[in-house]
C-alpha atoms as a PDB file:
ATOM      1  CA  MET A   1      45.151  70.952 -21.667  1.00  0.00           C
ATOM      2  CA  ALA A   2      43.312  69.733 -24.768  1.00  0.00           C
ATOM      3  CA  LYS A   3      45.587  66.730 -24.890  1.00  0.00           C
ATOM      4  CA  GLU A   4      44.824  65.836 -21.298  1.00  0.00           C
ATOM      5  CA  GLN A   5      41.103  66.235 -21.959  1.00  0.00           C
ATOM      6  CA  SER A   6      41.327  63.970 -24.960  1.00  0.00           C
ATOM      7  CA  ALA A   7      43.214  61.339 -22.981  1.00  0.00           C
ATOM      8  CA  LYS A   8      40.623  61.493 -20.231  1.00  0.00           C
ATOM      9  CA  GLU A   9      37.780  61.079 -22.708  1.00  0.00           C
ATOM     10  CA  ALA A  10      39.527  58.120 -24.314  1.00  0.00           C
ATOM     11  CA  TYR A  11      40.017  56.542 -20.916  1.00  0.00           C
ATOM     12  CA  ASP A  12      36.374  57.108 -19.986  1.00  0.00           C
ATOM     13  CA  GLN A  13      35.251  55.693 -23.286  1.00  0.00           C
ATOM     14  CA  ARG A  14      37.446  52.614 -22.854  1.00  0.00           C
ATOM     15  CA  TYR A  15      36.259  52.196 -19.258  1.00  0.00           C
ATOM     16  CA  ARG A  16      32.612  52.392 -20.271  1.00  0.00           C
ATOM     17  CA  LYS A  17      33.205  49.867 -23.021  1.00  0.00           C
ATOM     18  CA  GLU A  18      34.964  47.477 -20.666  1.00  0.00           C
ATOM     19  CA  LEU A  19      32.224  47.963 -18.083  1.00  0.00           C
ATOM     20  CA  HIS A  20      29.598  47.346 -20.732  1.00  0.00           C
ATOM     21  CA  ASN A  21      31.372  44.169 -21.800  1.00  0.00           C
ATOM     22  CA  TYR A  22      31.710  43.062 -18.178  1.00  0.00           C
ATOM     23  CA  TYR A  23      28.035  43.626 -17.499  1.00  0.00           C
ATOM     24  CA  GLY A  24      27.150  41.772 -20.682  1.00  0.00           C
ATOM     25  CA  GLN A  25      29.335  38.842 -19.670  1.00  0.00           C
ATOM     26  CA  GLN A  26      27.773  38.736 -16.212  1.00  0.00           C
ATOM     27  CA  ARG A  27      24.251  38.871 -17.640  1.00  0.00           C
ATOM     28  CA  ASN A  28      25.059  36.089 -20.082  1.00  0.00           C
ATOM     29  CA  TYR A  29      26.608  33.987 -17.331  1.00  0.00           C
ATOM     30  CA  LEU A  30      23.662  34.463 -14.981  1.00  0.00           C
ATOM     31  CA  ASN A  31      21.182  33.861 -17.798  1.00  0.00           C
ATOM     32  CA  GLN A  32      22.950  30.623 -18.634  1.00  0.00           C
ATOM     33  CA  LEU A  33      22.731  29.547 -15.008  1.00  0.00           C
ATOM     34  CA  SER A  34      19.087  30.571 -14.955  1.00  0.00           C
ATOM     35  CA  PHE A  35      18.372  28.559 -18.092  1.00  0.00           C
ATOM     36  CA  GLN A  36      20.114  25.512 -16.655  1.00  0.00           C
ATOM     37  CA  GLN A  37      18.054  25.884 -13.522  1.00  0.00           C
ATOM     38  CA  TYR A  38      14.931  26.171 -15.673  1.00  0.00           C
ATOM     39  CA  GLN A  39      15.823  22.969 -17.495  1.00  0.00           C
ATOM     40  CA  LEU A  40      16.452  21.182 -14.202  1.00  0.00           C
ATOM     41  CA  ASP A  41      13.107  22.412 -12.879  1.00  0.00           C
ATOM     42  CA  GLN A  42      11.336  21.128 -15.986  1.00  0.00           C
ATOM     43  CA  GLU A  43      13.027  17.734 -15.754  1.00  0.00           C
ATOM     44  CA  ALA A  44      12.243  17.474 -12.040  1.00  0.00           C
ATOM     45  CA  LEU A  45       8.588  18.274 -12.674  1.00  0.00           C
ATOM     46  CA  ARG A  46       8.323  15.678 -15.431  1.00  0.00           C
ATOM     47  CA  ALA A  47      10.119  13.090 -13.285  1.00  0.00           C
ATOM     48  CA  ASP A  48       7.792  13.820 -10.358  1.00  0.00           C
ATOM     49  CA  TYR A  49       4.747  13.457 -12.614  1.00  0.00           C
ATOM     50  CA  GLN A  50       6.081  10.171 -14.019  1.00  0.00           C
ATOM     51  CA  ALA A  51       6.728   8.865 -10.496  1.00  0.00           C
ATOM     52  CA  GLN A  52       3.165   9.753  -9.466  1.00  0.00           C
ATOM     53  CA  LEU A  53       1.836   8.074 -12.598  1.00  0.00           C
ATOM     54  CA  GLU A  54       3.796   4.887 -11.908  1.00  0.00           C
ATOM     55  CA  ALA A  55       2.607   4.879  -8.287  1.00  0.00           C
ATOM     56  CA  TYR A  56      -0.993   5.304  -9.472  1.00  0.00           C
ATOM     57  CA  ARG A  57      -0.657   2.445 -11.963  1.00  0.00           C
ATOM     58  CA  GLU A  58       0.858   0.195  -9.302  1.00  0.00           C
ATOM     59  CA  GLN A  59      -1.925   1.041  -6.852  1.00  0.00           C
ATOM     60  CA  GLU A  60      -4.533   0.257  -9.483  1.00  0.00           C
ATOM     61  CA  ARG A  61      -2.805  -3.038 -10.297  1.00  0.00           C
ATOM     62  CA  VAL A  62      -2.805  -3.995  -6.618  1.00  0.00           C
ATOM     63  CA  ARG A  63      -6.463  -2.938  -6.308  1.00  0.00           C
ATOM     64  CA  ARG A  64      -7.528  -5.025  -9.325  1.00  0.00           C
ATOM     65  CA  GLU A  65      -5.596  -8.004  -8.006  1.00  0.00           C
ATOM     66  CA  GLY A  66      -7.161  -7.537  -4.568  1.00  0.00           C
ATOM     67  CA  MET A  67     -10.646  -7.373  -6.078  1.00  0.00           C
ATOM     68  CA  LYS A  68     -10.001 -10.571  -8.021  1.00  0.00           C
ATOM     69  CA  ASN A  69      -8.678 -12.342  -4.928  1.00  0.00           C
ATOM     70  CA  ALA A  70     -11.673 -11.164  -2.892  1.00  0.00           C
ATOM     71  CA  ALA A  71     -14.091 -12.411  -5.557  1.00  0.00           C
ATOM     72  CA  ASP A  72     -12.301 -15.766  -5.821  1.00  0.00           C
ATOM     73  CA  ALA A  73     -12.319 -16.190  -2.034  1.00  0.00           C
ATOM     74  CA  TYR A  74     -16.014 -15.292  -1.885  1.00  0.00           C
ATOM     75  CA  ARG A  75     -16.944 -17.805  -4.596  1.00  0.00           C
ATOM     76  CA  THR A  76     -14.860 -20.546  -2.959  1.00  0.00           C
ATOM     77  CA  ASP A  77     -16.266 -19.913   0.529  1.00  0.00           C
ATOM     78  CA  ARG A  78     -19.804 -19.734  -0.812  1.00  0.00           C
ATOM     79  CA  ARG A  79     -19.385 -22.993  -2.700  1.00  0.00           C
ATOM     80  CA  ASP A  80     -17.925 -24.720   0.367  1.00  0.00           C
ATOM     81  CA  SER A  81     -20.726 -23.404   2.563  1.00  0.00           C
ATOM     82  CA  TYR A  82     -23.357 -24.629   0.111  1.00  0.00           C
ATOM     83  CA  ALA A  83     -21.687 -28.049  -0.089  1.00  0.00           C
ATOM     84  CA  ARG A  84     -21.718 -28.366   3.717  1.00  0.00           C
ATOM     85  CA  MET A  85     -25.378 -27.428   3.856  1.00  0.00           C
ATOM     86  CA  LEU A  86     -26.243 -30.017   1.197  1.00  0.00           C
ATOM     87  CA  GLN A  87     -24.294 -32.663   3.095  1.00  0.00           C
ATOM     88  CA  GLU A  88     -26.178 -31.878   6.285  1.00  0.00           C
ATOM     89  CA  VAL A  89     -29.553 -31.914   4.504  1.00  0.00           C
ATOM     90  CA  GLU A  90     -28.711 -35.127   2.688  1.00  0.00           C
ATOM     91  CA  ALA A  91     -27.538 -36.744   5.924  1.00  0.00           C
ATOM     92  CA  ALA A  92     -30.805 -35.717   7.608  1.00  0.00           C
ATOM     93  CA  ARG A  93     -32.838 -37.054   4.670  1.00  0.00           C
ATOM     94  CA  ALA A  94     -30.981 -40.376   4.735  1.00  0.00           C
ATOM     95  CA  GLU A  95     -31.480 -40.627   8.488  1.00  0.00           C
ATOM     96  CA  LEU A  96     -35.181 -39.942   8.063  1.00  0.00           C
ATOM     97  CA  GLU A  97     -35.476 -42.648   5.405  1.00  0.00           C
ATOM     98  CA  ASP A  98     -33.689 -45.086   7.675  1.00  0.00           C
ATOM     99  CA  LEU A  99     -36.060 -44.124  10.484  1.00  0.00           C
ATOM    100  CA  LYS A 100     -39.127 -44.756   8.321  1.00  0.00           C
ATOM    101  CA  ILE A 101     -37.846 -48.140   7.235  1.00  0.00           C
ATOM    102  CA  SER A 102     -36.986 -49.013  10.819  1.00  0.00           C
ATOM    103  CA  GLY A 103     -40.469 -47.946  11.947  1.00  0.00           C
ATOM    104  CA  LEU A 104     -42.138 -50.091   9.320  1.00  0.00           C
ATOM    105  CA  GLN A 105     -40.040 -53.039  10.333  1.00  0.00           C
ATOM    106  CA  GLN A 106     -40.800 -52.515  14.019  1.00  0.00           C
ATOM    107  CA  ARG A 107     -44.546 -52.312  13.345  1.00  0.00           C
ATOM    108  CA  ALA A 108     -44.414 -55.427  11.220  1.00  0.00           C
ATOM    109  CA  ARG A 109     -42.530 -57.284  13.930  1.00  0.00           C
ATOM    110  CA  ALA A 110     -44.972 -56.036  16.541  1.00  0.00           C
ATOM    111  CA  ARG A 111     -47.948 -57.305  14.516  1.00  0.00           C
ATOM    112  CA  THR A 112     -46.263 -60.651  13.933  1.00  0.00           C
ATOM    113  CA  ALA A 113     -45.388 -61.033  17.597  1.00  0.00           C
ATOM    114  CA  ALA A 114     -48.897 -60.035  18.630  1.00  0.00           C
ATOM    115  CA  GLY A 115     -50.430 -62.518  16.214  1.00  0.00           C
ATOM    116  CA  GLU A 116     -48.266 -65.328  17.478  1.00  0.00           C
ATOM    117  CA  ALA A 117     -49.110 -64.470  21.091  1.00  0.00           C
ATOM    118  CA  GLY A 118     -52.796 -64.110  20.326  1.00  0.00           C
ATOM    119  CA  VAL A 119     -52.895 -60.432  21.382  1.00  0.00           C
ATOM    120  CA  ALA A 120     -56.042 -58.530  20.455  1.00  0.00           C
ATOM    121  CA  GLY A 121     -55.994 -56.096  17.553  1.00  0.00           C
ATOM    122  CA  LYS A 122     -56.540 -53.081  19.798  1.00  0.00           C
ATOM    123  CA  SER A 123     -53.360 -53.781  21.714  1.00  0.00           C
ATOM    124  CA  VAL A 124     -51.403 -54.177  18.472  1.00  0.00           C
ATOM    125  CA  GLN A 125     -52.797 -50.889  17.228  1.00  0.00           C
ATOM    126  CA  SER A 126     -51.757 -49.204  20.477  1.00  0.00           C
ATOM    127  CA  GLN A 127     -48.202 -50.378  20.041  1.00  0.00           C
ATOM    128  CA  ALA A 128     -48.230 -49.248  16.413  1.00  0.00           C
ATOM    129  CA  ASP A 129     -49.565 -45.854  17.421  1.00  0.00           C
ATOM    130  CA  GLU A 130     -46.792 -45.551  19.992  1.00  0.00           C
ATOM    131  CA  LEU A 131     -44.181 -46.313  17.360  1.00  0.00           C
ATOM    132  CA  VAL A 132     -45.766 -43.768  15.002  1.00  0.00           C
ATOM    133  CA  GLY A 133     -45.686 -41.188  17.769  1.00  0.00           C
ATOM    134  CA  GLN A 134     -42.016 -41.819  18.367  1.00  0.00           C
ATOM    135  CA  GLU A 135     -41.322 -41.520  14.650  1.00  0.00           C
ATOM    136  CA  GLY A 136     -43.248 -38.277  14.539  1.00  0.00           C
ATOM    137  CA  THR A 137     -41.239 -36.821  17.413  1.00  0.00           C
ATOM    138  CA  ILE A 138     -37.947 -37.810  15.806  1.00  0.00           C
ATOM    139  CA  THR A 139     -39.126 -36.599  12.383  1.00  0.00           C
ATOM    140  CA  ALA A 140     -40.088 -33.203  13.818  1.00  0.00           C
ATOM    141  CA  ARG A 141     -36.714 -32.896  15.544  1.00  0.00           C
ATOM    142  CA  MET A 142     -34.891 -33.753  12.331  1.00  0.00           C
ATOM    143  CA  GLY A 143     -37.045 -31.271  10.450  1.00  0.00           C
ATOM    144  CA  ARG A 144     -36.024 -28.531  12.892  1.00  0.00           C
ATOM    145  CA  GLN A 145     -32.396 -29.512  12.480  1.00  0.00           C
ATOM    146  CA  ARG A 146     -32.774 -29.246   8.711  1.00  0.00           C
ATOM    147  CA  GLU A 147     -34.356 -25.809   9.035  1.00  0.00           C
ATOM    148  CA  MET A 148     -31.521 -24.764  11.334  1.00  0.00           C
ATOM    149  CA  SER A 149     -29.004 -25.958   8.745  1.00  0.00           C
ATOM    150  CA  VAL A 150     -30.712 -23.887   6.062  1.00  0.00           C
ATOM    151  CA  ARG A 151     -30.874 -20.807   8.310  1.00  0.00           C
ATOM    152  CA  GLU A 152     -27.210 -21.240   9.217  1.00  0.00           C
ATOM    153  CA  TYR A 153     -26.381 -21.482   5.530  1.00  0.00           C
ATOM    154  CA  LYS A 154     -28.222 -18.233   4.803  1.00  0.00           C
ATOM    155  CA  ARG A 155     -26.472 -16.563   7.741  1.00  0.00           C
ATOM    156  CA  GLN A 156     -23.119 -17.716   6.429  1.00  0.00           C
ATOM    157  CA  GLN A 157     -23.975 -16.376   2.974  1.00  0.00           C
ATOM    158  CA  GLU A 158     -24.744 -12.951   4.424  1.00  0.00           C
ATOM    159  CA  SER A 159     -21.531 -13.028   6.446  1.00  0.00           C
ATOM    160  CA  LEU A 160     -19.503 -14.006   3.380  1.00  0.00           C
ATOM    161  CA  MET A 161     -21.084 -11.208   1.354  1.00  0.00           C
ATOM    162  CA  ASN A 162     -20.323  -8.656   4.095  1.00  0.00           C
ATOM    163  CA  THR A 163     -16.726  -9.887   4.268  1.00  0.00           C
ATOM    164  CA  TYR A 164     -16.442  -9.590   0.497  1.00  0.00           C
ATOM    165  CA  LYS A 165     -17.855  -6.050   0.504  1.00  0.00           C
ATOM    166  CA  ASN A 166     -15.510  -4.993   3.310  1.00  0.00           C
ATOM    167  CA  ARG A 167     -12.493  -6.317   1.433  1.00  0.00           C
ATOM    168  CA  ILE A 168     -13.578  -4.462  -1.697  1.00  0.00           C
ATOM    169  CA  ASN A 169     -14.215  -1.230   0.219  1.00  0.00           C
ATOM    170  CA  GLN A 170     -10.729  -1.369   1.710  1.00  0.00           C
ATOM    171  CA  LEU A 171      -9.240  -1.344  -1.797  1.00  0.00           C
ATOM    172  CA  GLN A 172      -9.462   2.376  -2.417  1.00  0.00           C
ATOM    173  CA  PRO A 173      -8.933   3.482  -6.032  1.00  0.00           C
ATOM    174  CA  GLY A 174      -5.809   5.444  -6.808  1.00  0.00           C
ATOM    175  CA  VAL A 175      -5.776   9.103  -7.752  1.00  0.00           C
ATOM    176  CA  PRO A 176      -4.086   9.752 -11.104  1.00  0.00           C
ATOM    177  CA  PRO A 177      -1.694  12.684 -11.338  1.00  0.00           C
ATOM    178  CA  SER A 178      -3.154  15.816 -12.855  1.00  0.00           C
ATOM    179  CA  MET A 179      -1.878  16.984 -16.238  1.00  0.00           C
ATOM    180  CA  ALA A 180      -3.431  20.368 -15.527  1.00  0.00           C
ATOM    181  CA  ALA A 181      -1.453  20.674 -12.285  1.00  0.00           C
ATOM    182  CA  LEU A 182       1.725  19.708 -14.139  1.00  0.00           C
ATOM    183  CA  ALA A 183       1.073  22.359 -16.776  1.00  0.00           C
ATOM    184  CA  ILE A 184       0.552  25.011 -14.090  1.00  0.00           C
ATOM    185  CA  ARG A 185       3.785  24.064 -12.315  1.00  0.00           C
ATOM    186  CA  MET A 186       5.721  24.128 -15.600  1.00  0.00           C
ATOM    187  CA  LYS A 187       4.303  27.557 -16.422  1.00  0.00           C
ATOM    188  CA  GLN A 188       5.348  28.736 -12.963  1.00  0.00           C
ATOM    189  CA  ALA A 189       8.863  27.416 -13.567  1.00  0.00           C
ATOM    190  CA  ARG A 190       9.019  29.314 -16.856  1.00  0.00           C
ATOM    191  CA  PHE A 191       7.745  32.468 -15.174  1.00  0.00           C
ATOM    192  CA  ASP A 192      10.451  32.129 -12.500  1.00  0.00           C
ATOM    193  CA  TYR A 193      13.030  31.715 -15.249  1.00  0.00           C
ATOM    194  CA  GLN A 194      11.867  34.857 -17.047  1.00  0.00           C
ATOM    195  CA  THR A 195      11.780  36.762 -13.743  1.00  0.00           C
ATOM    196  CA  ARG A 196      15.392  35.813 -13.005  1.00  0.00           C
ATOM    197  CA  ASN A 197      16.463  36.969 -16.448  1.00  0.00           C
ATOM    198  CA  TYR A 198      14.682  40.276 -15.964  1.00  0.00           C
ATOM    199  CA  GLN A 199      16.330  40.777 -12.578  1.00  0.00           C
ATOM    200  CA  ASN A 200      19.698  39.944 -14.109  1.00  0.00           C
ATOM    201  CA  SER A 201      19.187  42.523 -16.829  1.00  0.00           C
ATOM    202  CA  ARG A 202      18.395  45.204 -14.237  1.00  0.00           C
ATOM    203  CA  LEU A 203      21.244  44.179 -11.962  1.00  0.00           C
ATOM    204  CA  PHE A 204      23.870  44.468 -14.697  1.00  0.00           C
ATOM    205  CA  ARG A 205      22.454  47.319 -16.705  1.00  0.00           C
ATOM    206  CA  SER A 206      25.139  49.307 -18.434  1.00  0.00           C
END
């Protein structure tokens, strides 16, 4: 009877030892898997942060390039608009000068013709006044055209500025990834890792 009891105790002791070893092996195996998962989580978080950072840098590069292109286009368009306005004003000025010279010549010819024909001075003056009136009408019209050119230039400048502002406003700045958010997510991953290890220790508790 004592021998059988001793054999039973030895068997129980050996069984408990084997069970303890088995549980220890399972805990170690699961902990290793948990640690590998933790490492993968950490790498994935860092890779995701790096991808966001690269996307932010690319967006900022595109935005800076867009701002430069918008500024270059604005300066070019403004310069071209100013050049056109100057050409129109210069053309109007040259036309006015030609008109004045032509008027002087016409008045001189009228006086010469009147003198040769023996026309009285009052009649010559009337013709001269008529020519002056015509010049005045044409001069006023050309002056209005010049004012219209200047107003159109100012309107174009405002339109160009609005176009420039709209292009700039469409280039929204990027949002950099948050280091604080990354730290929180990494802490959460570590907490999940520790939680799995704790659950493993309770699941295979000898």
